[in-house]
Amino acid sequence: MNKVIENIHQRRSVRQFENKNIPEDILNSIIDAANAAPSAMNLQQWRFLVVRDESFRKRIAGIAYEKYKVWLNSASDDFKERRREIDAQVEDPIYYDAPVIIFVIGSGMTAHFDCPMVCQNIMLAARSYDIGSCWVYLGQMIFDDQDIRNIMELKETESVYGPIILGYPMGEFPEPPARKEHPVIWL
């Protein structure tokens, strides 16, 4: 099988990590791969915020967790049950105690198209290094906190994508989930 296709099929959402740092040269390589994502008119209107500091990770996890509890109350029973299973496995159900969190911060009228491709490149590049990743939408619950917005130098004209958590998986990569068949129309 083609190595790129194989890497795509091997990518998994990982939520349990070893307590092991990712070397900076590998993180730089992952960010370099993220920067190779396509963008409208090649404007590349994004930047990255990489969180590795444990005390800051715990701080934002605490802020997000309080909002998550309120948000979860409005979720369906089925969703709550699925979250209970996930949450029972970790101390931090937002960032999963991942050693690295990458926030992709985009601006401009096409950021909502461009930045998800940047995030996908991060996850695929991470997998090529046997690093697990997961796009954790709940991790965005921190951005109504003005102090956090100031620390991250987040402008009103910018949006946050991801965040993507990264770390070496605890044990093996998860098995692939069942994939649905989707209709394809050929013209």
N, C-alpha and C. Protein backbone atom coordinates (compact mmCIF):
# COMPACT_ATOMS: atom_id res chain seq x y z
N MET A 1 0.85 -1.18 0.00
CA MET A 1 0.00 0.00 0.00
C MET A 1 0.90 1.25 0.00
N ASN A 2 0.46 2.27 -0.66
CA ASN A 2 1.13 3.56 -0.67
C ASN A 2 1.31 4.05 0.76
N LYS A 3 2.51 4.58 1.10
CA LYS A 3 2.81 5.00 2.47
C LYS A 3 1.90 6.13 2.96
N VAL A 4 1.57 7.04 2.09
CA VAL A 4 0.69 8.14 2.49
C VAL A 4 -0.71 7.60 2.81
N ILE A 5 -1.23 6.75 1.94
CA ILE A 5 -2.56 6.17 2.17
C ILE A 5 -2.54 5.32 3.44
N GLU A 6 -1.48 4.57 3.63
CA GLU A 6 -1.36 3.75 4.85
C GLU A 6 -1.37 4.63 6.10
N ASN A 7 -0.63 5.74 6.07
CA ASN A 7 -0.60 6.65 7.21
C ASN A 7 -1.99 7.23 7.50
N ILE A 8 -2.72 7.57 6.44
CA ILE A 8 -4.07 8.10 6.61
C ILE A 8 -4.95 7.06 7.30
N HIS A 9 -4.86 5.82 6.86
CA HIS A 9 -5.69 4.76 7.44
C HIS A 9 -5.26 4.37 8.85
N GLN A 10 -4.02 4.65 9.22
CA GLN A 10 -3.54 4.31 10.56
C GLN A 10 -3.76 5.42 11.59
N ARG A 11 -4.12 6.60 11.15
CA ARG A 11 -4.35 7.69 12.09
C ARG A 11 -5.54 7.35 12.98
N ARG A 12 -5.40 7.58 14.26
CA ARG A 12 -6.45 7.30 15.23
C ARG A 12 -6.56 8.46 16.21
N SER A 13 -7.73 8.61 16.79
CA SER A 13 -7.89 9.55 17.90
C SER A 13 -7.39 8.85 19.15
N VAL A 14 -6.35 9.42 19.74
CA VAL A 14 -5.72 8.85 20.93
C VAL A 14 -6.02 9.76 22.11
N ARG A 15 -6.46 9.15 23.22
CA ARG A 15 -6.82 9.93 24.40
C ARG A 15 -6.12 9.45 25.67
N GLN A 16 -5.19 8.53 25.53
CA GLN A 16 -4.40 8.08 26.68
C GLN A 16 -2.93 8.11 26.28
N PHE A 17 -2.14 8.84 27.06
CA PHE A 17 -0.76 9.10 26.67
C PHE A 17 0.23 8.70 27.76
N GLU A 18 1.42 8.33 27.30
CA GLU A 18 2.53 8.12 28.22
C GLU A 18 2.97 9.49 28.75
N ASN A 19 3.54 9.48 29.92
CA ASN A 19 4.09 10.70 30.49
C ASN A 19 5.50 10.88 29.92
N LYS A 20 5.56 11.29 28.66
CA LYS A 20 6.82 11.37 27.92
C LYS A 20 6.76 12.59 27.01
N ASN A 21 7.80 13.40 27.07
CA ASN A 21 7.86 14.59 26.22
C ASN A 21 8.13 14.23 24.77
N ILE A 22 7.64 15.06 23.88
CA ILE A 22 7.92 14.93 22.46
C ILE A 22 9.11 15.85 22.17
N PRO A 23 10.17 15.32 21.56
CA PRO A 23 11.33 16.16 21.25
C PRO A 23 10.96 17.37 20.40
N GLU A 24 11.62 18.47 20.66
CA GLU A 24 11.31 19.72 19.97
C GLU A 24 11.53 19.62 18.46
N ASP A 25 12.55 18.86 18.02
CA ASP A 25 12.77 18.74 16.58
C ASP A 25 11.62 18.03 15.89
N ILE A 26 10.99 17.08 16.59
CA ILE A 26 9.82 16.40 16.02
C ILE A 26 8.63 17.35 15.99
N LEU A 27 8.44 18.12 17.05
CA LEU A 27 7.35 19.11 17.05
C LEU A 27 7.54 20.12 15.93
N ASN A 28 8.77 20.56 15.70
CA ASN A 28 9.03 21.49 14.61
C ASN A 28 8.73 20.85 13.26
N SER A 29 9.05 19.58 13.11
CA SER A 29 8.75 18.88 11.87
C SER A 29 7.24 18.76 11.65
N ILE A 30 6.50 18.52 12.73
CA ILE A 30 5.03 18.43 12.64
C ILE A 30 4.45 19.78 12.24
N ILE A 31 4.96 20.85 12.84
CA ILE A 31 4.48 22.19 12.49
C ILE A 31 4.87 22.54 11.05
N ASP A 32 6.04 22.12 10.63
CA ASP A 32 6.45 22.34 9.24
C ASP A 32 5.49 21.64 8.29
N ALA A 33 5.08 20.42 8.63
CA ALA A 33 4.09 19.69 7.81
C ALA A 33 2.74 20.41 7.83
N ALA A 34 2.38 20.97 8.98
CA ALA A 34 1.13 21.73 9.07
C ALA A 34 1.16 22.93 8.13
N ASN A 35 2.31 23.58 8.07
CA ASN A 35 2.46 24.74 7.19
C ASN A 35 2.40 24.39 5.71
N ALA A 36 2.51 23.12 5.39
CA ALA A 36 2.43 22.69 3.99
C ALA A 36 0.99 22.53 3.52
N ALA A 37 0.03 22.77 4.41
CA ALA A 37 -1.39 22.64 4.04
C ALA A 37 -1.73 23.70 2.99
N PRO A 38 -2.69 23.37 2.13
CA PRO A 38 -3.11 24.35 1.14
C PRO A 38 -3.90 25.49 1.80
N SER A 39 -3.89 26.62 1.14
CA SER A 39 -4.71 27.74 1.62
C SER A 39 -5.15 28.57 0.41
N ALA A 40 -6.26 29.25 0.58
CA ALA A 40 -6.79 30.09 -0.50
C ALA A 40 -5.76 31.14 -0.89
N MET A 41 -5.48 31.21 -2.17
CA MET A 41 -4.53 32.17 -2.72
C MET A 41 -3.16 32.08 -2.04
N ASN A 42 -2.90 30.95 -1.42
CA ASN A 42 -1.64 30.69 -0.70
C ASN A 42 -1.36 31.78 0.36
N LEU A 43 -2.42 32.29 0.98
CA LEU A 43 -2.24 33.34 1.99
C LEU A 43 -1.66 32.81 3.30
N GLN A 44 -1.94 31.54 3.62
CA GLN A 44 -1.39 30.91 4.83
C GLN A 44 -1.63 31.78 6.07
N GLN A 45 -2.89 32.13 6.29
CA GLN A 45 -3.23 33.04 7.39
C GLN A 45 -3.51 32.27 8.67
N TRP A 46 -2.46 31.67 9.21
CA TRP A 46 -2.58 30.95 10.47
C TRP A 46 -1.31 31.11 11.26
N ARG A 47 -1.42 30.79 12.52
CA ARG A 47 -0.27 30.73 13.42
C ARG A 47 -0.54 29.63 14.42
N PHE A 48 0.45 29.30 15.21
CA PHE A 48 0.34 28.19 16.14
C PHE A 48 0.65 28.64 17.56
N LEU A 49 -0.06 28.07 18.48
CA LEU A 49 0.27 28.22 19.89
C LEU A 49 0.48 26.81 20.41
N VAL A 50 1.70 26.52 20.83
CA VAL A 50 2.06 25.19 21.31
C VAL A 50 2.19 25.26 22.83
N VAL A 51 1.36 24.48 23.50
CA VAL A 51 1.37 24.47 24.97
C VAL A 51 2.06 23.19 25.43
N ARG A 52 3.18 23.38 26.14
CA ARG A 52 3.90 22.25 26.73
C ARG A 52 4.05 22.40 28.24
N ASP A 53 3.89 23.61 28.73
CA ASP A 53 4.05 23.88 30.15
C ASP A 53 2.94 23.21 30.95
N GLU A 54 3.32 22.33 31.88
CA GLU A 54 2.34 21.54 32.61
C GLU A 54 1.40 22.39 33.45
N SER A 55 1.91 23.41 34.10
CA SER A 55 1.04 24.23 34.94
C SER A 55 0.02 24.99 34.09
N PHE A 56 0.43 25.46 32.90
CA PHE A 56 -0.53 26.15 32.03
C PHE A 56 -1.54 25.17 31.48
N ARG A 57 -1.10 23.96 31.11
CA ARG A 57 -2.04 22.94 30.63
C ARG A 57 -3.09 22.65 31.70
N LYS A 58 -2.66 22.52 32.94
CA LYS A 58 -3.62 22.25 34.02
C LYS A 58 -4.55 23.44 34.23
N ARG A 59 -4.03 24.63 34.08
CA ARG A 59 -4.86 25.83 34.25
C ARG A 59 -5.97 25.88 33.21
N ILE A 60 -5.62 25.69 31.94
CA ILE A 60 -6.66 25.76 30.91
C ILE A 60 -7.60 24.55 31.00
N ALA A 61 -7.07 23.41 31.43
CA ALA A 61 -7.94 22.23 31.61
C ALA A 61 -8.98 22.50 32.69
N GLY A 62 -8.59 23.16 33.77
CA GLY A 62 -9.52 23.50 34.83
C GLY A 62 -10.61 24.46 34.38
N ILE A 63 -10.22 25.46 33.60
CA ILE A 63 -11.18 26.42 33.06
C ILE A 63 -12.17 25.72 32.14
N ALA A 64 -11.64 24.90 31.24
CA ALA A 64 -12.50 24.21 30.28
C ALA A 64 -13.40 23.18 30.97
N TYR A 65 -12.89 22.52 31.99
CA TYR A 65 -13.67 21.47 32.67
C TYR A 65 -14.93 22.04 33.31
N GLU A 66 -14.83 23.19 33.92
CA GLU A 66 -16.01 23.81 34.55
C GLU A 66 -17.08 24.12 33.50
N LYS A 67 -16.67 24.61 32.36
CA LYS A 67 -17.62 24.90 31.28
C LYS A 67 -18.15 23.60 30.65
N TYR A 68 -17.31 22.60 30.58
CA TYR A 68 -17.69 21.29 30.04
C TYR A 68 -18.82 20.67 30.86
N LYS A 69 -18.71 20.75 32.19
CA LYS A 69 -19.76 20.16 33.05
C LYS A 69 -21.11 20.80 32.76
N VAL A 70 -21.15 22.11 32.58
CA VAL A 70 -22.40 22.80 32.27
C VAL A 70 -22.89 22.38 30.88
N TRP A 71 -21.98 22.37 29.92
CA TRP A 71 -22.32 22.00 28.55
C TRP A 71 -22.84 20.57 28.47
N LEU A 72 -22.23 19.66 29.22
CA LEU A 72 -22.61 18.25 29.18
C LEU A 72 -24.05 18.04 29.67
N ASN A 73 -24.51 18.89 30.57
CA ASN A 73 -25.89 18.77 31.06
C ASN A 73 -26.92 18.90 29.95
N SER A 74 -26.58 19.62 28.89
CA SER A 74 -27.54 19.81 27.80
C SER A 74 -27.40 18.75 26.70
N ALA A 75 -26.46 17.83 26.85
CA ALA A 75 -26.22 16.81 25.83
C ALA A 75 -27.25 15.69 25.93
N SER A 76 -27.37 14.91 24.87
CA SER A 76 -28.29 13.77 24.86
C SER A 76 -27.80 12.69 25.82
N ASP A 77 -28.69 11.83 26.24
CA ASP A 77 -28.32 10.75 27.15
C ASP A 77 -27.28 9.83 26.52
N ASP A 78 -27.44 9.56 25.23
CA ASP A 78 -26.48 8.70 24.53
C ASP A 78 -25.09 9.34 24.54
N PHE A 79 -25.03 10.64 24.29
CA PHE A 79 -23.74 11.33 24.29
C PHE A 79 -23.14 11.33 25.69
N LYS A 80 -23.97 11.59 26.71
CA LYS A 80 -23.48 11.57 28.09
C LYS A 80 -22.89 10.22 28.45
N GLU A 81 -23.54 9.15 28.00
CA GLU A 81 -23.05 7.81 28.29
C GLU A 81 -21.69 7.57 27.63
N ARG A 82 -21.55 7.99 26.39
CA ARG A 82 -20.27 7.83 25.70
C ARG A 82 -19.18 8.65 26.38
N ARG A 83 -19.53 9.84 26.82
CA ARG A 83 -18.55 10.68 27.53
C ARG A 83 -18.17 10.07 28.87
N ARG A 84 -19.12 9.46 29.56
CA ARG A 84 -18.81 8.82 30.85
C ARG A 84 -17.73 7.76 30.68
N GLU A 85 -17.85 6.97 29.61
CA GLU A 85 -16.85 5.93 29.34
C GLU A 85 -15.48 6.55 29.10
N ILE A 86 -15.42 7.60 28.32
CA ILE A 86 -14.15 8.28 28.03
C ILE A 86 -13.61 8.95 29.29
N ASP A 87 -14.47 9.71 29.97
CA ASP A 87 -14.04 10.48 31.14
C ASP A 87 -13.52 9.60 32.27
N ALA A 88 -14.05 8.38 32.39
CA ALA A 88 -13.63 7.48 33.46
C ALA A 88 -12.19 7.01 33.29
N GLN A 89 -11.65 7.13 32.09
CA GLN A 89 -10.32 6.63 31.81
C GLN A 89 -9.20 7.62 32.11
N VAL A 90 -9.55 8.89 32.32
CA VAL A 90 -8.53 9.92 32.48
C VAL A 90 -8.90 10.90 33.57
N GLU A 91 -7.88 11.57 34.08
CA GLU A 91 -8.11 12.61 35.08
C GLU A 91 -8.58 13.91 34.42
N ASP A 92 -8.08 14.18 33.23
CA ASP A 92 -8.41 15.40 32.49
C ASP A 92 -9.22 15.03 31.25
N PRO A 93 -10.55 15.16 31.29
CA PRO A 93 -11.37 14.78 30.13
C PRO A 93 -11.41 15.82 29.01
N ILE A 94 -10.65 16.88 29.14
CA ILE A 94 -10.62 17.91 28.10
C ILE A 94 -9.39 17.71 27.21
N TYR A 95 -8.20 17.76 27.82
CA TYR A 95 -6.95 17.63 27.07
C TYR A 95 -6.26 16.28 27.34
N TYR A 96 -6.88 15.44 28.13
CA TYR A 96 -6.44 14.06 28.36
C TYR A 96 -5.00 13.96 28.84
N ASP A 97 -4.56 14.94 29.61
CA ASP A 97 -3.20 14.95 30.14
C ASP A 97 -2.15 14.79 29.04
N ALA A 98 -2.47 15.24 27.85
CA ALA A 98 -1.52 15.16 26.74
C ALA A 98 -0.33 16.08 27.02
N PRO A 99 0.87 15.65 26.67
CA PRO A 99 2.03 16.50 26.93
C PRO A 99 2.11 17.74 26.04
N VAL A 100 1.39 17.73 24.91
CA VAL A 100 1.43 18.88 23.99
C VAL A 100 0.01 19.17 23.51
N ILE A 101 -0.31 20.46 23.48
CA ILE A 101 -1.57 20.93 22.89
C ILE A 101 -1.19 21.97 21.84
N ILE A 102 -1.70 21.79 20.63
CA ILE A 102 -1.44 22.78 19.59
C ILE A 102 -2.77 23.44 19.20
N PHE A 103 -2.80 24.75 19.35
CA PHE A 103 -3.93 25.55 18.91
C PHE A 103 -3.54 26.16 17.57
N VAL A 104 -4.36 25.96 16.56
CA VAL A 104 -4.15 26.59 15.26
C VAL A 104 -5.04 27.82 15.26
N ILE A 105 -4.44 28.96 15.06
CA ILE A 105 -5.15 30.23 15.13
C ILE A 105 -5.15 30.85 13.73
N GLY A 106 -6.34 31.04 13.20
CA GLY A 106 -6.45 31.52 11.83
C GLY A 106 -7.22 32.82 11.72
N SER A 107 -6.97 33.52 10.64
CA SER A 107 -7.69 34.76 10.36
C SER A 107 -7.96 34.82 8.87
N GLY A 108 -8.80 35.75 8.51
CA GLY A 108 -9.12 35.92 7.10
C GLY A 108 -10.39 35.18 6.72
N MET A 109 -10.90 35.52 5.56
CA MET A 109 -12.22 35.01 5.16
C MET A 109 -12.22 33.52 4.82
N THR A 110 -11.06 32.90 4.63
CA THR A 110 -11.05 31.47 4.30
C THR A 110 -10.45 30.61 5.41
N ALA A 111 -10.25 31.18 6.58
CA ALA A 111 -9.65 30.41 7.69
C ALA A 111 -10.46 29.16 8.01
N HIS A 112 -11.79 29.27 7.92
CA HIS A 112 -12.63 28.11 8.26
C HIS A 112 -12.49 26.98 7.24
N PHE A 113 -11.92 27.25 6.08
CA PHE A 113 -11.60 26.20 5.11
C PHE A 113 -10.14 25.74 5.27
N ASP A 114 -9.25 26.70 5.44
CA ASP A 114 -7.81 26.42 5.45
C ASP A 114 -7.34 25.74 6.73
N CYS A 115 -7.75 26.26 7.87
CA CYS A 115 -7.19 25.78 9.15
C CYS A 115 -7.55 24.34 9.49
N PRO A 116 -8.73 23.82 9.13
CA PRO A 116 -8.95 22.39 9.36
C PRO A 116 -7.97 21.51 8.58
N MET A 117 -7.53 21.96 7.41
CA MET A 117 -6.53 21.19 6.66
C MET A 117 -5.18 21.25 7.38
N VAL A 118 -4.88 22.38 7.99
CA VAL A 118 -3.66 22.50 8.80
C VAL A 118 -3.72 21.50 9.96
N CYS A 119 -4.89 21.43 10.62
CA CYS A 119 -5.07 20.49 11.73
C CYS A 119 -4.90 19.04 11.27
N GLN A 120 -5.47 18.71 10.12
CA GLN A 120 -5.33 17.35 9.60
C GLN A 120 -3.86 17.03 9.32
N ASN A 121 -3.13 17.99 8.75
CA ASN A 121 -1.70 17.75 8.51
C ASN A 121 -0.97 17.49 9.82
N ILE A 122 -1.33 18.20 10.88
CA ILE A 122 -0.70 17.97 12.19
C ILE A 122 -0.93 16.53 12.62
N MET A 123 -2.18 16.07 12.52
CA MET A 123 -2.51 14.72 12.98
C MET A 123 -1.83 13.65 12.13
N LEU A 124 -1.76 13.86 10.82
CA LEU A 124 -1.10 12.88 9.95
C LEU A 124 0.41 12.87 10.16
N ALA A 125 0.99 14.05 10.31
CA ALA A 125 2.43 14.11 10.56
C ALA A 125 2.76 13.46 11.91
N ALA A 126 1.94 13.71 12.91
CA ALA A 126 2.16 13.09 14.22
C ALA A 126 2.15 11.57 14.10
N ARG A 127 1.18 11.04 13.37
CA ARG A 127 1.07 9.58 13.22
C ARG A 127 2.31 9.00 12.54
N SER A 128 2.90 9.76 11.63
CA SER A 128 4.10 9.27 10.94
C SER A 128 5.27 9.13 11.91
N TYR A 129 5.22 9.80 13.05
CA TYR A 129 6.24 9.68 14.10
C TYR A 129 5.78 8.75 15.24
N ASP A 130 4.70 8.01 15.02
CA ASP A 130 4.12 7.15 16.06
C ASP A 130 3.67 7.95 17.28
N ILE A 131 3.21 9.16 17.01
CA ILE A 131 2.66 10.04 18.04
C ILE A 131 1.15 10.07 17.86
N GLY A 132 0.43 9.89 18.94
CA GLY A 132 -1.01 9.94 18.89
C GLY A 132 -1.51 11.37 18.91
N SER A 133 -2.71 11.56 18.38
CA SER A 133 -3.31 12.89 18.34
C SER A 133 -4.81 12.78 18.46
N CYS A 134 -5.43 13.89 18.78
CA CYS A 134 -6.88 13.96 18.79
C CYS A 134 -7.29 15.43 18.69
N TRP A 135 -8.26 15.69 17.85
CA TRP A 135 -8.85 17.04 17.77
C TRP A 135 -9.85 17.10 18.91
N VAL A 136 -9.64 17.98 19.87
CA VAL A 136 -10.50 18.04 21.05
C VAL A 136 -11.25 19.37 21.06
N TYR A 137 -12.39 19.37 20.42
CA TYR A 137 -13.20 20.57 20.32
C TYR A 137 -13.50 21.17 21.70
N LEU A 138 -13.71 20.31 22.69
CA LEU A 138 -14.02 20.81 24.04
C LEU A 138 -12.91 21.71 24.58
N GLY A 139 -11.72 21.56 24.05
CA GLY A 139 -10.60 22.39 24.47
C GLY A 139 -10.74 23.84 24.10
N GLN A 140 -11.72 24.17 23.25
CA GLN A 140 -11.96 25.57 22.89
C GLN A 140 -12.79 26.31 23.93
N MET A 141 -13.26 25.61 24.93
CA MET A 141 -14.14 26.23 25.92
C MET A 141 -13.44 27.25 26.81
N ILE A 142 -12.21 27.55 26.52
CA ILE A 142 -11.43 28.49 27.35
C ILE A 142 -11.43 29.90 26.79
N PHE A 143 -11.98 30.10 25.60
CA PHE A 143 -11.74 31.36 24.91
C PHE A 143 -12.69 32.49 25.24
N ASP A 144 -13.58 32.28 26.21
CA ASP A 144 -14.33 33.44 26.70
C ASP A 144 -13.66 33.97 27.97
N ASP A 145 -12.54 33.40 28.36
CA ASP A 145 -11.74 33.87 29.49
C ASP A 145 -10.75 34.91 28.95
N GLN A 146 -10.95 36.17 29.33
CA GLN A 146 -10.14 37.26 28.77
C GLN A 146 -8.66 37.11 29.12
N ASP A 147 -8.35 36.61 30.30
CA ASP A 147 -6.95 36.42 30.68
C ASP A 147 -6.27 35.42 29.75
N ILE A 148 -6.96 34.34 29.44
CA ILE A 148 -6.41 33.33 28.52
C ILE A 148 -6.26 33.93 27.13
N ARG A 149 -7.26 34.68 26.67
CA ARG A 149 -7.16 35.32 25.36
C ARG A 149 -5.95 36.25 25.30
N ASN A 150 -5.68 36.98 26.39
CA ASN A 150 -4.53 37.88 26.44
C ASN A 150 -3.22 37.09 26.40
N ILE A 151 -3.13 36.04 27.18
CA ILE A 151 -1.91 35.23 27.20
C ILE A 151 -1.63 34.66 25.81
N MET A 152 -2.68 34.22 25.13
CA MET A 152 -2.54 33.63 23.79
C MET A 152 -2.47 34.68 22.69
N GLU A 153 -2.57 35.95 23.09
CA GLU A 153 -2.53 37.07 22.14
C GLU A 153 -3.56 36.88 21.04
N LEU A 154 -4.75 36.45 21.43
CA LEU A 154 -5.83 36.17 20.49
C LEU A 154 -6.57 37.46 20.14
N LYS A 155 -6.55 37.79 18.88
CA LYS A 155 -7.22 39.01 18.40
C LYS A 155 -8.68 38.71 18.10
N GLU A 156 -9.50 39.73 18.10
CA GLU A 156 -10.93 39.58 17.79
C GLU A 156 -11.16 39.04 16.39
N THR A 157 -10.23 39.29 15.49
CA THR A 157 -10.37 38.86 14.09
C THR A 157 -9.89 37.42 13.87
N GLU A 158 -9.43 36.75 14.94
CA GLU A 158 -8.88 35.40 14.80
C GLU A 158 -9.84 34.36 15.37
N SER A 159 -9.77 33.18 14.80
CA SER A 159 -10.53 32.03 15.29
C SER A 159 -9.54 30.93 15.64
N VAL A 160 -9.98 30.05 16.54
CA VAL A 160 -9.12 28.96 16.98
C VAL A 160 -9.66 27.65 16.42
N TYR A 161 -8.75 26.83 15.91
CA TYR A 161 -9.10 25.52 15.35
C TYR A 161 -8.36 24.46 16.16
N GLY A 162 -8.99 23.31 16.27
CA GLY A 162 -8.49 22.29 17.17
C GLY A 162 -9.12 22.56 18.52
N PRO A 163 -8.36 22.49 19.55
CA PRO A 163 -6.94 22.20 19.58
C PRO A 163 -6.66 20.73 19.28
N ILE A 164 -5.42 20.49 18.89
CA ILE A 164 -4.95 19.14 18.64
C ILE A 164 -4.04 18.75 19.80
N ILE A 165 -4.35 17.63 20.44
CA ILE A 165 -3.48 17.14 21.50
C ILE A 165 -2.55 16.09 20.91
N LEU A 166 -1.32 16.05 21.43
CA LEU A 166 -0.31 15.14 20.93
C LEU A 166 0.40 14.45 22.08
N GLY A 167 0.76 13.19 21.87
CA GLY A 167 1.55 12.46 22.84
C GLY A 167 1.78 11.04 22.36
N TYR A 168 2.73 10.39 23.01
CA TYR A 168 2.96 8.98 22.70
C TYR A 168 1.85 8.16 23.33
N PRO A 169 1.19 7.31 22.55
CA PRO A 169 0.06 6.56 23.08
C PRO A 169 0.47 5.62 24.21
N MET A 170 -0.41 5.50 25.18
CA MET A 170 -0.22 4.51 26.22
C MET A 170 -0.64 3.17 25.61
N GLY A 171 0.31 2.27 25.44
CA GLY A 171 0.01 1.01 24.78
C GLY A 171 -0.01 1.18 23.28
N GLU A 172 -0.79 0.35 22.63
CA GLU A 172 -0.89 0.37 21.17
C GLU A 172 -1.88 1.44 20.71
N PHE A 173 -1.77 1.81 19.44
CA PHE A 173 -2.77 2.70 18.86
C PHE A 173 -4.11 1.96 18.87
N PRO A 174 -5.21 2.68 19.07
CA PRO A 174 -6.53 2.03 19.08
C PRO A 174 -6.81 1.32 17.75
N GLU A 175 -7.64 0.33 17.83
CA GLU A 175 -8.11 -0.36 16.63
C GLU A 175 -8.98 0.60 15.83
N PRO A 176 -9.05 0.40 14.51
CA PRO A 176 -9.88 1.31 13.72
C PRO A 176 -11.36 1.11 14.02
N PRO A 177 -12.10 2.21 14.08
CA PRO A 177 -13.54 2.07 14.26
C PRO A 177 -14.18 1.56 12.97
N ALA A 178 -15.36 1.04 13.09
CA ALA A 178 -16.09 0.61 11.89
C ALA A 178 -16.36 1.84 11.03
N ARG A 179 -16.16 1.70 9.76
CA ARG A 179 -16.40 2.79 8.83
C ARG A 179 -17.71 2.54 8.09
N LYS A 180 -18.48 3.59 7.96
CA LYS A 180 -19.75 3.50 7.25
C LYS A 180 -19.49 3.57 5.75
N GLU A 181 -20.35 2.93 5.01
CA GLU A 181 -20.32 3.08 3.56
C GLU A 181 -21.04 4.38 3.22
N HIS A 182 -20.42 5.17 2.40
CA HIS A 182 -21.03 6.44 2.00
C HIS A 182 -21.30 6.39 0.50
N PRO A 183 -22.43 6.92 0.09
CA PRO A 183 -22.74 6.87 -1.35
C PRO A 183 -21.74 7.69 -2.16
N VAL A 184 -21.43 7.20 -3.31
CA VAL A 184 -20.57 7.90 -4.26
C VAL A 184 -21.34 8.01 -5.56
N ILE A 185 -21.45 9.20 -6.06
CA ILE A 185 -22.11 9.43 -7.33
C ILE A 185 -21.03 9.67 -8.37
N TRP A 186 -21.07 8.87 -9.41
CA TRP A 186 -20.12 9.02 -10.52
C TRP A 186 -20.90 9.58 -11.71
N LEU A 187 -20.43 10.64 -12.25
CA LEU A 187 -21.08 11.24 -13.41
C LEU A 187 -20.21 11.11 -14.64
